[in-house]
Amino acid sequence: MVSALKSRWDTHFGGILLVCVVAAAATFLSEHYGAPAMLFALLIGMAFHFLHRDAAFAPGLDFSAKTLLRFGVGLLGLRLSIGDVESIGYGAVGAVGGFVLATLACGAMLSYLFGRRMAFGLLAGGSVAICGASAALAIASVLPARADREQDTLFVVIGVTALSTIAMIAYPILFASLGMSDLQSGFLIGATIHDVAQVVGAGYSISDEAGVIATFVKMVRVALLPVVMLVVMFSFRGAQSQRVTLPWFLVMFIVLAVLANAGVVPQVVIDAIGTLSRWCLVIAISALGVKTSLATIAHVKPSYGVILVVETLFLLAIAIGFVLLGGV
């Protein structure tokens, strides 16, 4: 038993060490230059693409991109707070849930109109609707296996990260020009920007009130991640004869969310596990970066990028419409 574990560790060590170093470098650059750590992890990882087939690195890269990814997604459950969700009101919570479902449906419709696979439409729609790169990784993990699945996932991660960064700068200016209050701007930022870090950055760039509201609304969207994962999973497996089971990391997500909101987990533990979850996801994205080259990304059909942009604008439009109609 011990020898088997040692042999497995020796096999995986090189790849895991590589992506840990990449993740550490990405985090350092993010903290010093303010850009998303996940974007740095992707770009730095791509620079080491020539190692992805090396026997000394491949097993560790596969472990990081799959198992470690799922573990990190499962740990996200501890970040959810029902109290924060309730503080913005049930009407707004319901509206945000509607935004998520509408954006997911928009992705499915666009994939049909552009002649693309439904899986990509749901992957892109879910990442735009919920929490960007983290949602893309989580949804990809329950999609049927395909040879180009990692390529599609990486493209979505890059796309939503870039769009989130643009939105973090442009949306506060847009909402101010529309005469939105801090409360309304905070709601819109939380309801429309993809990644959590960019939501916080954009919200607090307006005011502390906007930052708090934006974070709360964003957590509502994050709370719907397991629901969307179930919808995606049953969309592709429900019609098949095989037995449908919940992924272990999705069960882990739900259980940890319940424990966190039941008050049985100390805050210091929640904070520590939140940090661990973030590192797992950055390391997983680093591994995905190593496994994919820029040349591969360049061959992705332009319609895939159009789908991401249209979904982003669709989510922005329905959220602004809701606020202008007096929803907030």
Protein backbone atom coordinates (compact mmCIF):
# COMPACT_ATOMS: atom_id res chain seq x y z
CA MET A 1 0.00 0.00 0.00
CA VAL A 2 2.71 2.45 1.05
CA SER A 3 4.90 1.53 -1.91
CA ALA A 4 1.96 1.99 -4.29
CA LEU A 5 1.25 5.45 -2.89
CA LYS A 6 4.93 6.37 -3.10
CA SER A 7 5.08 5.20 -6.71
CA ARG A 8 1.97 7.22 -7.55
CA TRP A 9 3.42 10.30 -5.84
CA ASP A 10 6.71 9.94 -7.69
CA THR A 11 4.80 9.73 -10.97
CA HIS A 12 2.72 12.83 -10.27
CA PHE A 13 5.31 14.95 -8.48
CA GLY A 14 6.88 16.64 -11.51
CA GLY A 15 3.62 17.88 -13.02
CA ILE A 16 2.18 19.00 -9.68
CA LEU A 17 5.36 20.88 -8.80
CA LEU A 18 5.36 22.62 -12.18
CA VAL A 19 1.79 23.92 -11.90
CA CYS A 20 2.27 24.91 -8.25
CA VAL A 21 5.19 27.10 -9.29
CA VAL A 22 3.11 28.57 -12.14
CA ALA A 23 0.23 29.25 -9.74
CA ALA A 24 2.55 30.92 -7.23
CA ALA A 25 4.03 33.14 -9.96
CA ALA A 26 0.53 34.02 -11.22
CA THR A 27 -0.61 34.94 -7.70
CA PHE A 28 2.48 37.08 -7.12
CA LEU A 29 1.92 38.99 -10.38
CA SER A 30 -1.79 39.40 -9.62
CA GLU A 31 -1.13 40.87 -6.19
CA HIS A 32 1.45 43.32 -7.55
CA TYR A 33 -0.21 44.37 -10.81
CA GLY A 34 -3.92 43.96 -10.07
CA ALA A 35 -4.77 41.67 -12.99
CA PRO A 36 -6.68 38.40 -12.44
CA ALA A 37 -4.53 35.55 -11.11
CA MET A 38 -6.37 33.06 -13.32
CA LEU A 39 -5.44 34.98 -16.45
CA PHE A 40 -1.77 35.04 -15.42
CA ALA A 41 -1.95 31.31 -14.61
CA LEU A 42 -3.31 30.55 -18.07
CA LEU A 43 -0.75 32.63 -19.92
CA ILE A 44 2.25 31.42 -17.92
CA GLY A 45 1.04 27.84 -18.19
CA MET A 46 0.83 28.11 -21.97
CA ALA A 47 4.51 29.03 -22.05
CA PHE A 48 5.26 25.53 -20.71
CA HIS A 49 3.06 23.73 -23.23
CA PHE A 50 6.10 21.89 -24.62
CA LEU A 51 6.13 19.81 -21.39
CA HIS A 52 2.52 18.58 -21.56
CA ARG A 53 3.38 15.24 -23.20
CA ASP A 54 6.55 14.61 -21.21
CA ALA A 55 6.15 11.44 -19.12
CA ALA A 56 7.65 13.21 -16.12
CA PHE A 57 4.91 15.86 -16.13
CA ALA A 58 1.81 14.45 -17.86
CA PRO A 59 0.34 12.45 -14.91
CA GLY A 60 0.64 15.37 -12.51
CA LEU A 61 -0.87 17.74 -15.06
CA ASP A 62 -3.86 15.44 -15.58
CA PHE A 63 -4.35 15.11 -11.81
CA SER A 64 -4.23 18.87 -11.33
CA ALA A 65 -6.55 19.67 -14.24
CA LYS A 66 -9.18 17.11 -13.19
CA THR A 67 -9.10 15.79 -9.61
CA LEU A 68 -7.67 18.93 -7.99
CA LEU A 69 -10.12 21.01 -10.00
CA ARG A 70 -13.10 19.05 -8.70
CA PHE A 71 -11.82 19.25 -5.14
CA GLY A 72 -11.46 23.03 -5.40
CA VAL A 73 -14.99 23.37 -6.80
CA GLY A 74 -16.36 21.28 -3.93
CA LEU A 75 -14.68 23.56 -1.38
CA LEU A 76 -16.48 26.59 -2.86
CA GLY A 77 -19.56 25.54 -0.89
CA LEU A 78 -18.12 27.04 2.29
CA ARG A 79 -18.09 30.49 0.66
CA LEU A 80 -21.89 30.69 0.49
CA SER A 81 -23.84 32.65 3.12
CA ILE A 82 -27.63 32.50 3.26
CA GLY A 83 -27.64 35.60 5.47
CA ASP A 84 -25.91 37.64 2.77
CA VAL A 85 -28.37 36.38 0.17
CA GLU A 86 -31.39 37.30 2.30
CA SER A 87 -30.11 40.81 3.00
CA ILE A 88 -30.75 42.03 -0.56
CA GLY A 89 -34.40 40.93 -0.54
CA TYR A 90 -36.25 37.99 -2.03
CA GLY A 91 -37.44 39.96 -5.07
CA ALA A 92 -33.87 40.69 -6.13
CA VAL A 93 -32.85 37.10 -5.39
CA GLY A 94 -35.60 35.83 -7.67
CA ALA A 95 -34.60 38.27 -10.39
CA VAL A 96 -30.97 37.18 -10.24
CA GLY A 97 -32.09 33.56 -10.52
CA GLY A 98 -34.09 34.54 -13.59
CA PHE A 99 -31.05 36.27 -15.09
CA VAL A 100 -29.01 33.09 -14.66
CA LEU A 101 -31.61 30.84 -16.30
CA ALA A 102 -32.23 33.31 -19.13
CA THR A 103 -28.50 33.60 -19.87
CA LEU A 104 -28.14 29.81 -19.85
CA ALA A 105 -31.05 29.57 -22.30
CA CYS A 106 -29.46 32.31 -24.41
CA GLY A 107 -26.28 30.24 -24.66
CA ALA A 108 -28.23 27.19 -25.78
CA MET A 109 -30.12 29.21 -28.38
CA LEU A 110 -26.97 30.89 -29.73
CA SER A 111 -25.19 27.56 -30.07
CA TYR A 112 -28.12 26.37 -32.20
CA LEU A 113 -28.23 29.53 -34.33
CA PHE A 114 -24.48 29.42 -35.01
CA GLY A 115 -24.45 25.70 -35.70
CA ARG A 116 -22.25 24.96 -32.70
CA ARG A 117 -22.55 22.13 -30.19
CA MET A 118 -25.11 22.53 -27.41
CA ALA A 119 -22.42 21.65 -24.87
CA PHE A 120 -20.44 24.77 -25.75
CA GLY A 121 -23.53 26.96 -25.49
CA LEU A 122 -24.28 25.67 -21.99
CA LEU A 123 -20.62 25.92 -20.98
CA ALA A 124 -20.39 29.54 -22.15
CA GLY A 125 -23.84 30.45 -20.85
CA GLY A 126 -23.16 28.99 -17.42
CA SER A 127 -19.81 30.74 -17.08
CA VAL A 128 -21.32 34.11 -18.05
CA ALA A 129 -24.39 33.60 -15.88
CA ILE A 130 -22.67 32.51 -12.67
CA CYS A 131 -19.02 33.11 -11.82
CA GLY A 132 -16.83 33.12 -14.90
CA ALA A 133 -13.79 30.87 -14.93
CA SER A 134 -14.74 28.88 -11.81
CA ALA A 135 -18.18 28.09 -13.24
CA ALA A 136 -16.66 27.16 -16.61
CA LEU A 137 -14.36 24.65 -14.93
CA ALA A 138 -17.18 23.23 -12.80
CA ILE A 139 -19.63 22.88 -15.70
CA ALA A 140 -16.99 21.36 -17.97
CA SER A 141 -16.42 18.64 -15.38
CA VAL A 142 -19.99 17.32 -15.79
CA LEU A 143 -20.14 17.56 -19.60
CA PRO A 144 -19.66 14.42 -21.72
CA ALA A 145 -16.00 13.72 -22.47
CA ARG A 146 -14.72 14.89 -25.87
CA ALA A 147 -11.27 15.22 -27.35
CA ASP A 148 -11.63 19.01 -27.67
CA ARG A 149 -13.43 19.64 -24.34
CA GLU A 150 -10.34 21.12 -22.66
CA GLN A 151 -9.78 23.41 -25.63
CA ASP A 152 -13.36 24.72 -25.42
CA THR A 153 -13.07 25.13 -21.65
CA LEU A 154 -9.80 27.03 -21.87
CA PHE A 155 -11.23 29.31 -24.56
CA VAL A 156 -14.24 30.10 -22.34
CA VAL A 157 -11.99 30.71 -19.32
CA ILE A 158 -9.84 33.14 -21.31
CA GLY A 159 -12.89 34.81 -22.85
CA VAL A 160 -14.87 35.39 -19.65
CA THR A 161 -11.75 36.52 -17.78
CA ALA A 162 -10.99 39.10 -20.47
CA LEU A 163 -14.62 40.26 -20.60
CA SER A 164 -14.73 40.51 -16.79
CA THR A 165 -11.63 42.68 -16.76
CA ILE A 166 -13.13 45.00 -19.40
CA ALA A 167 -16.44 45.12 -17.50
CA MET A 168 -14.69 45.97 -14.22
CA ILE A 169 -13.46 49.17 -15.85
CA ALA A 170 -16.37 50.02 -18.14
CA TYR A 171 -19.47 49.12 -16.11
CA PRO A 172 -19.02 51.64 -13.25
CA ILE A 173 -18.66 54.38 -15.86
CA LEU A 174 -21.72 53.12 -17.77
CA PHE A 175 -23.93 52.91 -14.68
CA ALA A 176 -22.86 56.38 -13.52
CA SER A 177 -23.74 57.80 -16.94
CA LEU A 178 -27.19 56.19 -16.61
CA GLY A 179 -27.72 57.99 -13.29
CA MET A 180 -27.78 54.83 -11.17
CA SER A 181 -27.53 55.12 -7.39
CA ASP A 182 -24.83 53.29 -5.44
CA LEU A 183 -27.38 50.62 -4.50
CA GLN A 184 -28.48 50.14 -8.12
CA SER A 185 -24.92 50.16 -9.43
CA GLY A 186 -23.88 47.61 -6.83
CA PHE A 187 -26.77 45.36 -7.79
CA LEU A 188 -25.95 45.62 -11.49
CA ILE A 189 -22.26 44.95 -10.97
CA GLY A 190 -22.99 41.86 -8.89
CA ALA A 191 -25.59 40.66 -11.39
CA THR A 192 -23.57 41.13 -14.57
CA ILE A 193 -19.79 40.85 -14.12
CA HIS A 194 -18.54 37.28 -14.45
CA ASP A 195 -15.68 36.75 -11.99
CA VAL A 196 -15.92 37.39 -8.23
CA ALA A 197 -12.65 39.34 -8.01
CA GLN A 198 -13.74 41.78 -10.72
CA VAL A 199 -17.14 42.21 -9.06
CA VAL A 200 -15.47 43.23 -5.81
CA GLY A 201 -13.05 45.53 -7.60
CA ALA A 202 -15.76 47.28 -9.62
CA GLY A 203 -18.17 47.57 -6.70
CA TYR A 204 -15.72 49.10 -4.26
CA SER A 205 -14.43 51.46 -6.95
CA ILE A 206 -17.85 53.16 -6.68
CA SER A 207 -18.39 53.09 -2.90
CA ASP A 208 -18.36 50.79 0.10
CA GLU A 209 -22.14 50.40 -0.15
CA ALA A 210 -21.95 49.43 -3.81
CA GLY A 211 -19.13 46.99 -3.03
CA VAL A 212 -21.12 45.23 -0.30
CA ILE A 213 -24.27 44.96 -2.41
CA ALA A 214 -22.30 43.78 -5.45
CA THR A 215 -20.66 41.04 -3.40
CA PHE A 216 -23.98 39.88 -1.96
CA VAL A 217 -25.63 39.70 -5.40
CA LYS A 218 -22.64 37.84 -6.78
CA MET A 219 -22.97 35.24 -4.03
CA VAL A 220 -26.57 34.66 -5.11
CA ARG A 221 -25.30 33.76 -8.55
CA VAL A 222 -22.59 31.53 -7.09
CA ALA A 223 -25.24 29.75 -5.02
CA LEU A 224 -26.93 28.65 -8.24
CA LEU A 225 -23.83 26.86 -9.52
CA PRO A 226 -24.90 23.38 -8.33
CA VAL A 227 -28.37 23.91 -9.83
CA VAL A 228 -26.90 24.78 -13.23
CA MET A 229 -24.48 21.85 -13.00
CA LEU A 230 -27.42 19.52 -12.39
CA VAL A 231 -29.33 21.01 -15.35
CA VAL A 232 -26.31 20.53 -17.62
CA MET A 233 -25.62 17.01 -16.34
CA PHE A 234 -29.21 15.83 -16.83
CA SER A 235 -29.43 17.53 -20.23
CA PHE A 236 -26.76 15.18 -21.55
CA ARG A 237 -27.31 12.08 -19.47
CA GLY A 238 -30.98 12.03 -18.63
CA ALA A 239 -31.99 10.51 -21.93
CA GLN A 240 -29.39 7.76 -21.71
CA SER A 241 -29.93 4.35 -20.21
CA GLN A 242 -27.05 4.62 -17.75
CA ARG A 243 -27.72 5.48 -14.13
CA VAL A 244 -27.40 9.17 -13.31
CA THR A 245 -25.45 9.93 -10.13
CA LEU A 246 -24.35 13.15 -8.50
CA PRO A 247 -20.63 13.92 -8.88
CA TRP A 248 -18.82 13.62 -5.55
CA PHE A 249 -17.61 17.18 -5.66
CA LEU A 250 -21.14 18.50 -6.22
CA VAL A 251 -22.31 16.59 -3.14
CA MET A 252 -19.30 18.03 -1.31
CA PHE A 253 -20.28 21.54 -2.43
CA ILE A 254 -23.84 21.19 -1.11
CA VAL A 255 -22.82 19.56 2.18
CA LEU A 256 -20.20 22.23 2.92
CA ALA A 257 -22.68 25.01 2.08
CA VAL A 258 -25.18 23.54 4.55
CA LEU A 259 -22.52 23.19 7.26
CA ALA A 260 -21.25 26.74 6.73
CA ASN A 261 -24.73 28.24 7.02
CA ALA A 262 -25.63 26.05 10.01
CA GLY A 263 -22.90 27.83 11.96
CA VAL A 264 -21.00 24.68 12.90
CA VAL A 265 -17.84 25.63 11.03
CA PRO A 266 -15.60 28.25 12.69
CA GLN A 267 -14.92 31.34 10.60
CA VAL A 268 -11.18 30.76 10.75
CA VAL A 269 -11.72 27.34 9.15
CA ILE A 270 -13.97 28.84 6.45
CA ASP A 271 -11.32 31.45 5.64
CA ALA A 272 -8.56 28.85 5.50
CA ILE A 273 -10.55 26.51 3.27
CA GLY A 274 -11.55 29.44 1.06
CA THR A 275 -7.86 30.15 0.50
CA LEU A 276 -7.22 26.46 -0.20
CA SER A 277 -10.09 26.40 -2.72
CA ARG A 278 -8.68 29.41 -4.52
CA TRP A 279 -5.24 27.82 -4.75
CA CYS A 280 -6.73 24.57 -6.06
CA LEU A 281 -8.54 26.45 -8.83
CA VAL A 282 -5.51 28.56 -9.79
CA ILE A 283 -3.34 25.42 -9.89
CA ALA A 284 -5.98 23.61 -12.00
CA ILE A 285 -6.10 26.49 -14.49
CA SER A 286 -2.31 26.52 -14.61
CA ALA A 287 -2.45 22.84 -15.59
CA LEU A 288 -5.04 23.57 -18.27
CA GLY A 289 -2.77 26.29 -19.60
CA VAL A 290 0.18 23.91 -19.84
CA LYS A 291 -1.96 21.39 -21.70
CA THR A 292 -3.13 23.85 -24.37
CA SER A 293 -1.14 25.93 -26.84
CA LEU A 294 -1.92 29.33 -28.30
CA ALA A 295 -1.89 27.71 -31.74
CA THR A 296 -4.75 25.48 -30.62
CA ILE A 297 -6.77 28.43 -29.34
CA ALA A 298 -6.24 30.24 -32.64
CA HIS A 299 -8.11 27.46 -34.42
CA VAL A 300 -11.29 28.00 -32.36
CA LYS A 301 -14.13 29.17 -34.59
CA PRO A 302 -14.89 32.93 -34.39
CA SER A 303 -18.53 32.13 -33.68
CA TYR A 304 -17.47 30.82 -30.24
CA GLY A 305 -16.19 34.29 -29.34
CA VAL A 306 -19.34 35.91 -30.68
CA ILE A 307 -21.45 33.64 -28.46
CA LEU A 308 -19.56 34.77 -25.34
CA VAL A 309 -19.86 38.48 -26.20
CA VAL A 310 -23.57 38.27 -27.07
CA GLU A 311 -24.32 36.39 -23.85
CA THR A 312 -22.48 39.06 -21.85
CA LEU A 313 -24.43 41.88 -23.52
CA PHE A 314 -27.69 39.96 -23.10
CA LEU A 315 -27.12 39.60 -19.33
CA LEU A 316 -26.23 43.29 -19.05
CA ALA A 317 -29.36 44.35 -20.97
CA ILE A 318 -31.87 42.33 -18.93
CA ALA A 319 -30.27 43.43 -15.64
CA ILE A 320 -30.40 47.13 -16.60
CA GLY A 321 -33.98 46.65 -17.78
CA PHE A 322 -34.94 45.17 -14.41
CA VAL A 323 -33.46 48.15 -12.52
CA LEU A 324 -35.02 50.75 -14.85
CA LEU A 325 -38.43 49.11 -14.30
CA GLY A 326 -38.06 49.73 -10.57
CA GLY A 327 -36.83 46.32 -9.50
CA VAL A 328 -34.14 47.87 -7.28
